[in-house]
C-alpha cells in the first residue's frame, strides 16, 4: 500500500479522530501550526507561573518553620500554593478555549486568569503593606 493511500493512523501518526482531547481536536480544521504552538507556549508560561507560586509558598513555609516567623507568613504561603494550582488549571482551560477558537476560525477569547492574578497581587501588596505599618506602629 502506498503512503498516499494509507489511512489516518496507519503510518504511526494519529489522525484527527485519534487526537486527544477530542473536544479540541474533533472540531474545525487545523490552524496554522505557528498559532497552535504560540498557544501552547502561552499555556506553558502560565503553568510555569503557577509552579513558581507553589514553589514560593513551599519556600515561605520552610522559612517560617526555621525562623519562627509570624502565622501571617504561613497564610501567604497557603494562598500562594492554592493560587499556583488554580493558575495551572486555568492555563489548561485557557489553552483549550483558544485552540478551539483557532480551529473554528473564531476570535480568540479574552484572558480569564490575568485580571484575577493582577487583582490578587494588588490585594496581597495592600494587605502586606497594612501588616508592615501595623507592625511598625506596634514597635513605636
N, C-alpha and C. Protein backbone atom coordinates (compact mmCIF):
# COMPACT_ATOMS: atom_id res chain seq x y z
N UNK A 1 0.85 -1.17 0.00
CA UNK A 1 0.00 0.00 0.00
C UNK A 1 0.89 1.23 0.00
N UNK A 2 0.61 2.18 -0.87
CA UNK A 2 1.45 3.37 -0.95
C UNK A 2 1.14 4.30 0.20
N UNK A 3 2.11 5.21 0.49
CA UNK A 3 1.98 6.14 1.61
C UNK A 3 0.80 7.08 1.42
N UNK A 4 0.53 7.46 0.16
CA UNK A 4 -0.55 8.40 -0.10
C UNK A 4 -1.93 7.77 0.10
N UNK A 5 -2.01 6.44 -0.03
CA UNK A 5 -3.31 5.80 0.13
C UNK A 5 -3.53 5.28 1.54
N UNK A 6 -2.54 5.45 2.39
CA UNK A 6 -2.68 5.00 3.78
C UNK A 6 -3.69 5.87 4.51
N UNK A 7 -4.49 5.24 5.32
CA UNK A 7 -5.49 5.98 6.10
C UNK A 7 -4.86 6.64 7.31
N UNK A 8 -5.64 7.44 8.04
CA UNK A 8 -5.11 8.09 9.23
C UNK A 8 -4.68 7.06 10.25
N UNK A 9 -3.53 7.29 10.82
CA UNK A 9 -3.04 6.42 11.87
C UNK A 9 -2.27 5.21 11.36
N UNK A 10 -2.31 4.92 10.06
CA UNK A 10 -1.65 3.72 9.56
C UNK A 10 -0.14 3.89 9.48
N UNK A 11 0.36 5.11 9.46
CA UNK A 11 1.80 5.32 9.40
C UNK A 11 2.38 5.64 10.78
N UNK A 12 1.61 5.41 11.82
CA UNK A 12 2.09 5.72 13.16
C UNK A 12 1.68 7.10 13.62
N UNK A 13 1.21 7.94 12.72
CA UNK A 13 0.76 9.28 13.07
C UNK A 13 -0.72 9.23 13.41
N UNK A 14 -1.12 9.87 14.50
CA UNK A 14 -2.55 9.85 14.84
C UNK A 14 -3.35 10.71 13.89
N UNK A 15 -4.52 10.23 13.49
CA UNK A 15 -5.43 11.02 12.68
C UNK A 15 -6.22 11.96 13.57
N UNK A 16 -6.97 12.88 12.96
CA UNK A 16 -7.75 13.83 13.74
C UNK A 16 -8.73 13.15 14.69
N UNK A 17 -9.24 11.98 14.29
CA UNK A 17 -10.20 11.30 15.14
C UNK A 17 -9.53 10.60 16.32
N UNK A 18 -8.21 10.48 16.33
CA UNK A 18 -7.48 9.82 17.41
C UNK A 18 -6.79 10.81 18.35
N UNK A 19 -6.71 12.07 18.00
CA UNK A 19 -6.00 13.05 18.82
C UNK A 19 -6.83 13.39 20.04
N UNK A 20 -6.17 13.62 21.13
CA UNK A 20 -6.83 13.97 22.37
C UNK A 20 -6.42 15.37 22.76
N UNK A 21 -7.25 16.13 23.40
CA UNK A 21 -8.64 15.86 23.74
C UNK A 21 -9.54 16.05 22.52
N UNK A 22 -10.51 15.17 22.40
CA UNK A 22 -11.41 15.21 21.24
C UNK A 22 -12.25 16.48 21.22
N UNK A 23 -12.53 17.03 22.41
CA UNK A 23 -13.32 18.27 22.47
C UNK A 23 -12.60 19.41 21.77
N UNK A 24 -11.27 19.33 21.68
CA UNK A 24 -10.49 20.36 21.00
C UNK A 24 -10.22 19.96 19.55
N UNK A 25 -9.66 18.78 19.37
CA UNK A 25 -9.21 18.37 18.03
C UNK A 25 -10.32 17.78 17.17
N UNK A 26 -11.48 17.55 17.74
CA UNK A 26 -12.58 16.98 16.98
C UNK A 26 -13.43 18.02 16.27
N UNK A 27 -13.09 19.29 16.40
CA UNK A 27 -13.88 20.35 15.76
C UNK A 27 -12.99 21.13 14.79
N UNK A 28 -13.62 21.74 13.82
CA UNK A 28 -12.93 22.65 12.91
C UNK A 28 -11.82 21.98 12.12
N UNK A 29 -10.87 22.82 11.70
CA UNK A 29 -9.74 22.33 10.91
C UNK A 29 -8.45 22.84 11.53
N UNK A 30 -7.35 22.19 11.16
CA UNK A 30 -6.06 22.56 11.72
C UNK A 30 -5.70 23.99 11.33
N UNK A 31 -5.39 24.84 12.32
CA UNK A 31 -4.94 26.19 12.00
C UNK A 31 -3.46 26.18 11.62
N UNK A 32 -2.94 27.32 11.28
CA UNK A 32 -1.51 27.45 11.02
C UNK A 32 -0.78 26.96 12.27
N UNK A 33 0.19 26.09 12.07
CA UNK A 33 0.88 25.46 13.20
C UNK A 33 1.54 26.50 14.11
N UNK A 34 1.93 27.64 13.57
CA UNK A 34 2.56 28.69 14.40
C UNK A 34 1.61 29.19 15.46
N UNK A 35 0.33 29.29 15.12
CA UNK A 35 -0.66 29.78 16.09
C UNK A 35 -0.89 28.75 17.19
N UNK A 36 -0.96 27.48 16.82
CA UNK A 36 -1.13 26.43 17.83
C UNK A 36 0.08 26.36 18.76
N UNK A 37 1.27 26.48 18.19
CA UNK A 37 2.47 26.44 19.02
C UNK A 37 2.57 27.67 19.93
N UNK A 38 2.16 28.83 19.43
CA UNK A 38 2.15 30.02 20.28
C UNK A 38 1.15 29.87 21.42
N UNK A 39 0.01 29.26 21.13
CA UNK A 39 -0.99 29.00 22.17
C UNK A 39 -0.42 28.05 23.22
N UNK A 40 0.29 27.03 22.78
CA UNK A 40 0.90 26.08 23.71
C UNK A 40 1.98 26.75 24.56
N UNK A 41 2.81 27.60 23.95
CA UNK A 41 3.85 28.31 24.70
C UNK A 41 3.24 29.22 25.76
N UNK A 42 2.13 29.86 25.42
CA UNK A 42 1.45 30.72 26.38
C UNK A 42 0.93 29.90 27.56
N UNK A 43 0.32 28.76 27.27
CA UNK A 43 -0.18 27.89 28.35
C UNK A 43 0.97 27.42 29.23
N UNK A 44 2.09 27.05 28.62
CA UNK A 44 3.24 26.60 29.41
C UNK A 44 3.81 27.73 30.26
N UNK A 45 3.76 28.96 29.77
CA UNK A 45 4.22 30.10 30.57
C UNK A 45 3.33 30.28 31.80
N UNK A 46 2.01 30.12 31.62
CA UNK A 46 1.09 30.21 32.76
C UNK A 46 1.34 29.08 33.75
N UNK A 47 1.63 27.88 33.26
CA UNK A 47 1.94 26.76 34.14
C UNK A 47 3.22 27.05 34.92
N UNK A 48 4.23 27.61 34.26
CA UNK A 48 5.48 27.97 34.95
C UNK A 48 5.21 29.00 36.04
N UNK A 49 4.34 29.96 35.76
CA UNK A 49 4.00 30.96 36.77
C UNK A 49 3.30 30.30 37.95
N UNK A 50 2.39 29.38 37.67
CA UNK A 50 1.72 28.65 38.74
C UNK A 50 2.70 27.83 39.57
N UNK A 51 3.63 27.16 38.89
CA UNK A 51 4.64 26.38 39.59
C UNK A 51 5.53 27.28 40.45
N UNK A 52 5.82 28.47 39.97
CA UNK A 52 6.62 29.43 40.75
C UNK A 52 5.88 29.84 42.01
N UNK A 53 4.58 30.05 41.89
CA UNK A 53 3.79 30.38 43.08
C UNK A 53 3.80 29.24 44.10
N UNK A 54 3.65 28.02 43.63
CA UNK A 54 3.69 26.87 44.54
C UNK A 54 5.07 26.76 45.20
N UNK A 55 6.13 26.90 44.41
CA UNK A 55 7.49 26.82 44.95
C UNK A 55 7.74 27.94 45.97
N UNK A 56 7.24 29.13 45.67
CA UNK A 56 7.38 30.24 46.61
C UNK A 56 6.63 29.97 47.91
N UNK A 57 5.44 29.38 47.80
CA UNK A 57 4.69 29.03 49.00
C UNK A 57 5.41 28.01 49.86
N UNK A 58 5.99 27.00 49.21
CA UNK A 58 6.75 25.98 49.94
C UNK A 58 7.97 26.62 50.60
N UNK A 59 8.66 27.50 49.88
CA UNK A 59 9.83 28.17 50.44
C UNK A 59 9.44 29.04 51.65
N UNK A 60 8.32 29.76 51.55
CA UNK A 60 7.87 30.58 52.67
C UNK A 60 7.54 29.74 53.90
N UNK A 61 6.86 28.62 53.69
CA UNK A 61 6.52 27.74 54.81
C UNK A 61 7.78 27.18 55.46
N UNK A 62 8.74 26.78 54.65
CA UNK A 62 10.00 26.27 55.19
C UNK A 62 10.74 27.34 55.97
N UNK A 63 10.81 28.52 55.41
CA UNK A 63 11.47 29.64 56.09
C UNK A 63 10.76 29.98 57.40
N UNK A 64 9.44 29.99 57.38
CA UNK A 64 8.67 30.31 58.58
C UNK A 64 8.90 29.29 59.68
N UNK A 65 9.05 28.02 59.31
CA UNK A 65 9.26 26.99 60.33
C UNK A 65 10.66 27.08 60.94
N UNK A 66 11.66 27.46 60.16
CA UNK A 66 13.03 27.58 60.68
C UNK A 66 13.23 28.86 61.47
N UNK A 67 12.63 29.95 61.05
CA UNK A 67 12.89 31.26 61.65
C UNK A 67 11.83 31.69 62.65
N UNK A 68 10.85 30.84 62.92
CA UNK A 68 9.77 31.15 63.86
C UNK A 68 9.12 32.49 63.50
N UNK A 69 8.72 32.58 62.23
CA UNK A 69 8.08 33.79 61.73
C UNK A 69 6.60 33.79 62.09
N UNK A 70 5.92 34.94 62.02
CA UNK A 70 4.51 35.00 62.39
C UNK A 70 3.63 34.16 61.47
N UNK A 71 2.44 33.84 61.96
CA UNK A 71 1.48 32.99 61.25
C UNK A 71 1.07 33.57 59.91
N UNK A 72 1.19 34.88 59.76
CA UNK A 72 0.78 35.53 58.51
C UNK A 72 1.60 34.99 57.33
N UNK A 73 2.84 34.60 57.57
CA UNK A 73 3.68 34.04 56.52
C UNK A 73 3.12 32.71 56.04
N UNK A 74 2.64 31.89 56.99
CA UNK A 74 2.02 30.62 56.60
C UNK A 74 0.74 30.84 55.80
N UNK A 75 -0.02 31.86 56.14
CA UNK A 75 -1.25 32.16 55.38
C UNK A 75 -0.88 32.59 53.96
N UNK A 76 0.13 33.42 53.83
CA UNK A 76 0.58 33.86 52.49
C UNK A 76 1.07 32.66 51.70
N UNK A 77 1.80 31.76 52.35
CA UNK A 77 2.29 30.55 51.68
C UNK A 77 1.13 29.69 51.20
N UNK A 78 0.11 29.54 52.03
CA UNK A 78 -1.06 28.76 51.63
C UNK A 78 -1.76 29.38 50.43
N UNK A 79 -1.94 30.69 50.47
CA UNK A 79 -2.59 31.39 49.36
C UNK A 79 -1.76 31.24 48.08
N UNK A 80 -0.44 31.35 48.20
CA UNK A 80 0.44 31.21 47.03
C UNK A 80 0.32 29.81 46.43
N UNK A 81 0.32 28.78 47.26
CA UNK A 81 0.21 27.41 46.76
C UNK A 81 -1.14 27.17 46.08
N UNK A 82 -2.21 27.62 46.71
CA UNK A 82 -3.54 27.43 46.12
C UNK A 82 -3.68 28.23 44.82
N UNK A 83 -3.16 29.45 44.81
CA UNK A 83 -3.22 30.28 43.60
C UNK A 83 -2.40 29.65 42.48
N UNK A 84 -1.26 29.06 42.81
CA UNK A 84 -0.44 28.39 41.79
C UNK A 84 -1.16 27.22 41.16
N UNK A 85 -1.83 26.42 41.98
CA UNK A 85 -2.59 25.31 41.44
C UNK A 85 -3.75 25.78 40.58
N UNK A 86 -4.45 26.80 41.05
CA UNK A 86 -5.57 27.35 40.28
C UNK A 86 -5.09 27.94 38.95
N UNK A 87 -3.94 28.59 38.97
CA UNK A 87 -3.40 29.19 37.75
C UNK A 87 -3.01 28.12 36.73
N UNK A 88 -2.42 27.04 37.20
CA UNK A 88 -2.07 25.95 36.28
C UNK A 88 -3.33 25.33 35.67
N UNK A 89 -4.36 25.14 36.48
CA UNK A 89 -5.62 24.61 35.97
C UNK A 89 -6.26 25.58 34.97
N UNK A 90 -6.18 26.86 35.28
CA UNK A 90 -6.71 27.88 34.38
C UNK A 90 -5.96 27.88 33.05
N UNK A 91 -4.65 27.60 33.09
CA UNK A 91 -3.85 27.54 31.86
C UNK A 91 -4.37 26.46 30.93
N UNK A 92 -4.75 25.32 31.50
CA UNK A 92 -5.29 24.24 30.68
C UNK A 92 -6.60 24.65 30.01
N UNK A 93 -7.51 25.23 30.78
CA UNK A 93 -8.79 25.63 30.22
C UNK A 93 -8.64 26.76 29.20
N UNK A 94 -7.72 27.67 29.46
CA UNK A 94 -7.46 28.76 28.53
C UNK A 94 -6.88 28.23 27.22
N UNK A 95 -5.95 27.28 27.32
CA UNK A 95 -5.39 26.67 26.12
C UNK A 95 -6.48 26.01 25.30
N UNK A 96 -7.38 25.26 25.96
CA UNK A 96 -8.46 24.57 25.25
C UNK A 96 -9.37 25.57 24.54
N UNK A 97 -9.74 26.65 25.24
CA UNK A 97 -10.63 27.66 24.65
C UNK A 97 -9.98 28.30 23.43
N UNK A 98 -8.70 28.67 23.56
CA UNK A 98 -8.00 29.33 22.45
C UNK A 98 -7.80 28.38 21.28
N UNK A 99 -7.45 27.13 21.57
CA UNK A 99 -7.22 26.16 20.48
C UNK A 99 -8.51 25.88 19.72
N UNK A 100 -9.62 25.76 20.43
CA UNK A 100 -10.91 25.56 19.75
C UNK A 100 -11.25 26.77 18.89
N UNK A 101 -11.00 27.98 19.42
CA UNK A 101 -11.28 29.19 18.65
C UNK A 101 -10.42 29.22 17.39
N UNK A 102 -9.15 28.84 17.50
CA UNK A 102 -8.27 28.81 16.33
C UNK A 102 -8.79 27.80 15.30
N UNK A 103 -9.19 26.63 15.76
CA UNK A 103 -9.66 25.58 14.85
C UNK A 103 -10.98 25.95 14.19
N UNK A 104 -11.81 26.74 14.87
CA UNK A 104 -13.11 27.13 14.32
C UNK A 104 -13.06 28.50 13.64
N UNK A 105 -11.86 29.09 13.56
CA UNK A 105 -11.67 30.40 12.93
C UNK A 105 -12.56 31.46 13.60
N UNK A 106 -12.58 31.44 14.93
CA UNK A 106 -13.33 32.41 15.72
C UNK A 106 -12.35 33.37 16.39
N UNK A 107 -12.84 34.52 16.86
CA UNK A 107 -11.94 35.42 17.61
C UNK A 107 -11.45 34.74 18.88
N UNK A 108 -10.23 35.06 19.26
CA UNK A 108 -9.68 34.47 20.48
C UNK A 108 -10.44 34.98 21.70
N UNK A 109 -10.69 34.10 22.67
CA UNK A 109 -11.41 34.52 23.88
C UNK A 109 -10.53 35.41 24.75
N UNK A 110 -11.18 36.23 25.55
CA UNK A 110 -10.46 37.12 26.46
C UNK A 110 -9.77 36.29 27.55
N UNK A 111 -8.63 36.75 28.03
CA UNK A 111 -7.95 36.01 29.10
C UNK A 111 -8.77 36.05 30.39
N UNK A 112 -8.81 34.92 31.07
CA UNK A 112 -9.57 34.83 32.32
C UNK A 112 -8.65 35.01 33.52
N UNK A 113 -7.49 34.38 33.49
CA UNK A 113 -6.61 34.36 34.66
C UNK A 113 -5.91 35.70 34.90
N UNK A 114 -5.59 36.42 33.85
CA UNK A 114 -4.80 37.64 34.01
C UNK A 114 -5.45 38.67 34.93
N UNK A 115 -6.71 39.03 34.75
CA UNK A 115 -7.30 40.01 35.67
C UNK A 115 -7.31 39.52 37.12
N UNK A 116 -7.59 38.23 37.32
CA UNK A 116 -7.61 37.69 38.68
C UNK A 116 -6.22 37.70 39.30
N UNK A 117 -5.22 37.38 38.51
CA UNK A 117 -3.84 37.39 39.02
C UNK A 117 -3.42 38.81 39.40
N UNK A 118 -3.75 39.78 38.58
CA UNK A 118 -3.41 41.17 38.89
C UNK A 118 -4.13 41.64 40.15
N UNK A 119 -5.42 41.32 40.25
CA UNK A 119 -6.19 41.70 41.45
C UNK A 119 -5.58 41.04 42.69
N UNK A 120 -5.21 39.78 42.57
CA UNK A 120 -4.61 39.07 43.71
C UNK A 120 -3.30 39.68 44.15
N UNK A 121 -2.46 40.07 43.20
CA UNK A 121 -1.18 40.69 43.54
C UNK A 121 -1.41 42.04 44.22
N UNK A 122 -2.35 42.83 43.70
CA UNK A 122 -2.64 44.14 44.30
C UNK A 122 -3.18 43.98 45.72
N UNK A 123 -4.12 43.04 45.91
CA UNK A 123 -4.68 42.80 47.25
C UNK A 123 -3.58 42.32 48.20
N UNK A 124 -2.75 41.41 47.76
CA UNK A 124 -1.66 40.91 48.59
C UNK A 124 -0.70 42.04 48.97
N UNK A 125 -0.38 42.89 48.01
CA UNK A 125 0.52 44.02 48.29
C UNK A 125 -0.11 44.96 49.32
N UNK A 126 -1.40 45.24 49.19
CA UNK A 126 -2.06 46.12 50.15
C UNK A 126 -2.13 45.50 51.55
N UNK A 127 -2.44 44.21 51.60
CA UNK A 127 -2.51 43.53 52.90
C UNK A 127 -1.13 43.51 53.57
N UNK A 128 -0.10 43.19 52.82
CA UNK A 128 1.25 43.17 53.39
C UNK A 128 1.72 44.56 53.80
N UNK A 129 1.36 45.58 53.00
CA UNK A 129 1.71 46.95 53.38
C UNK A 129 1.00 47.33 54.68
N UNK A 130 -0.28 46.98 54.80
CA UNK A 130 -1.01 47.24 56.04
C UNK A 130 -0.41 46.50 57.21
N UNK A 131 -0.02 45.25 57.02
CA UNK A 131 0.60 44.47 58.08
C UNK A 131 1.93 45.10 58.50
N UNK A 132 2.72 45.56 57.54
CA UNK A 132 4.01 46.19 57.86
C UNK A 132 3.79 47.47 58.65
N UNK A 133 2.81 48.27 58.26
CA UNK A 133 2.51 49.51 59.01
C UNK A 133 2.06 49.16 60.42
N UNK A 134 1.22 48.15 60.57
CA UNK A 134 0.74 47.71 61.88
C UNK A 134 1.90 47.26 62.76
N UNK A 135 2.83 46.50 62.20
CA UNK A 135 4.00 46.03 62.95
C UNK A 135 4.91 47.18 63.35
N UNK A 136 5.11 48.13 62.42
CA UNK A 136 5.97 49.28 62.73
C UNK A 136 5.33 50.16 63.80
N UNK A 137 4.01 50.35 63.73
CA UNK A 137 3.33 51.16 64.73
C UNK A 137 3.39 50.50 66.10
N UNK A 138 3.39 49.17 66.14
CA UNK A 138 3.48 48.46 67.42
C UNK A 138 4.87 48.56 68.04
N UNK A 139 5.89 48.78 67.21
CA UNK A 139 7.26 48.89 67.72
C UNK A 139 7.56 50.28 68.27
N UNK A 140 6.73 51.27 67.97
CA UNK A 140 6.99 52.64 68.43
C UNK A 140 6.61 52.85 69.84
